[in-house]
Protein backbone atom coordinates (compact mmCIF):
# COMPACT_ATOMS: atom_id res chain seq x y z
CA MET A 1 10.13 -1.35 -12.55
CA GLU A 2 10.91 -3.56 -9.36
CA GLU A 3 11.39 -0.34 -7.34
CA LEU A 4 7.95 0.76 -8.21
CA ALA A 5 6.38 -2.42 -7.29
CA GLU A 6 8.07 -2.47 -3.91
CA GLY A 7 7.02 1.34 -3.44
CA VAL A 8 3.25 0.35 -4.42
CA LYS A 9 3.55 -2.46 -1.94
CA LEU A 10 4.89 -0.24 0.99
CA ILE A 11 2.11 2.23 0.25
CA LYS A 12 -0.63 -0.36 0.23
CA GLU A 13 0.63 -1.77 3.64
CA ARG A 14 0.75 1.75 5.02
CA CYS A 15 -2.86 2.44 3.85
CA ALA A 16 -3.92 -0.87 5.40
CA ASP A 17 -2.34 0.19 8.73
CA ILE A 18 -4.03 3.54 8.61
CA GLU A 19 -7.43 2.44 7.39
CA GLY A 20 -7.15 -0.84 9.26
CA ASP A 21 -8.81 -2.36 6.21
CA ASP A 22 -7.78 -3.93 2.81
CA GLY A 23 -5.87 -0.74 2.05
CA GLY A 24 -8.20 0.23 -0.84
CA LEU A 25 -7.18 3.56 -2.66
CA ALA A 26 -10.83 4.87 -2.49
């Protein structure tokens, strides 16, 4: 489960970079 948590964290950070926002999954 730790791997999944780290993956989600990376994805959220990447989304934040792309959107330049909070990185919501909207």
